[in-house]
């Protein structure tokens, strides 16, 4: 991916970005998009806050199958009109 102009492109990578599972180049593109797109920036902040709160609320590690299903759900529903 050389550009991240569309919000859907951003949204498709958001979960991986939060999990630190993407490369430096994609991180840069996401951060550029966040700086240029207030709605996506708000989406990012909201999801990040949710992840942080959930991380503090549960002392146990989330089961791998739950992580996989949650990521799939977010990818499927993120950015739908």
Protein backbone atom coordinates (compact mmCIF):
# COMPACT_ATOMS: atom_id res chain seq x y z
CA UNK A 1 0.00 0.00 0.00
CA UNK A 2 1.58 3.26 -1.08
CA UNK A 3 -1.21 5.63 -0.09
CA UNK A 4 -3.90 5.69 2.52
CA UNK A 5 -6.31 8.23 1.15
CA UNK A 6 -9.51 6.34 1.71
CA UNK A 7 -10.93 5.98 5.19
CA UNK A 8 -11.68 2.32 4.45
CA UNK A 9 -7.97 1.69 3.80
CA UNK A 10 -7.26 3.20 7.19
CA UNK A 11 -10.03 1.29 8.93
CA UNK A 12 -8.90 -2.01 7.43
CA UNK A 13 -5.51 -1.58 9.13
CA UNK A 14 -6.61 0.04 12.39
CA UNK A 15 -6.73 -3.11 14.51
CA UNK A 16 -3.32 -4.24 13.27
CA UNK A 17 -1.95 -0.75 13.93
CA UNK A 18 -3.19 -0.78 17.51
CA UNK A 19 -1.70 -4.24 18.01
CA UNK A 20 1.67 -3.18 16.56
CA UNK A 21 1.39 -5.77 13.80
CA UNK A 22 2.24 -3.63 10.77
CA UNK A 23 5.41 -2.28 9.27
CA UNK A 24 7.00 1.14 9.63
CA UNK A 25 5.81 2.36 6.24
CA UNK A 26 2.17 1.49 6.95
CA UNK A 27 2.44 3.05 10.41
CA UNK A 28 3.61 6.28 8.80
CA UNK A 29 0.70 6.21 6.34
CA UNK A 30 -1.79 5.60 9.12
CA UNK A 31 -0.36 8.41 11.22
CA UNK A 32 -0.52 10.76 8.23
CA UNK A 33 -4.14 9.80 7.69
CA UNK A 34 -4.92 10.36 11.38
CA UNK A 35 -3.49 13.87 11.13
CA UNK A 36 -5.57 14.68 8.04
CA UNK A 37 -8.91 13.02 8.83
CA UNK A 38 -10.80 14.07 11.98
CA UNK A 39 -13.45 11.31 11.72
CA UNK A 40 -10.80 8.58 11.50
CA UNK A 41 -8.83 10.22 14.28
CA UNK A 42 -11.93 10.10 16.46
CA UNK A 43 -12.51 6.45 15.53
CA UNK A 44 -8.90 5.65 16.42
CA UNK A 45 -9.09 7.44 19.77
CA UNK A 46 -12.36 5.73 20.62
CA UNK A 47 -11.06 2.26 19.77
CA UNK A 48 -7.76 2.89 21.55
CA UNK A 49 -9.62 4.02 24.68
CA UNK A 50 -11.84 0.95 24.52
CA UNK A 51 -8.83 -1.35 24.18
CA UNK A 52 -7.08 0.41 27.08
CA UNK A 53 -10.14 0.16 29.33
CA UNK A 54 -10.65 -3.50 28.48
CA UNK A 55 -6.99 -4.18 29.13
CA UNK A 56 -7.29 -2.69 32.61
CA UNK A 57 -10.60 -4.38 33.35
CA UNK A 58 -9.42 -7.92 32.77
CA UNK A 59 -6.51 -9.43 34.59
CA UNK A 60 -6.41 -12.54 32.43
CA UNK A 61 -5.20 -12.72 28.85
CA UNK A 62 -7.93 -12.76 26.23
CA UNK A 63 -8.20 -16.17 24.61
CA UNK A 64 -6.66 -16.35 21.14
CA UNK A 65 -9.92 -17.46 19.49
CA UNK A 66 -11.70 -14.43 20.99
CA UNK A 67 -8.99 -12.12 19.63
CA UNK A 68 -9.35 -13.65 16.18
CA UNK A 69 -13.14 -13.33 16.21
CA UNK A 70 -12.99 -9.75 17.49
CA UNK A 71 -10.52 -8.71 14.80
CA UNK A 72 -12.66 -10.37 12.13
CA UNK A 73 -15.74 -8.58 13.43
CA UNK A 74 -13.99 -5.20 13.45
CA UNK A 75 -12.64 -5.71 9.94
CA UNK A 76 -16.06 -6.75 8.64
CA UNK A 77 -17.97 -3.90 10.24
CA UNK A 78 -15.47 -1.07 10.24
CA UNK A 79 -16.09 1.48 7.52
CA UNK A 80 -19.43 0.15 6.35
CA UNK A 81 -21.83 2.79 5.14
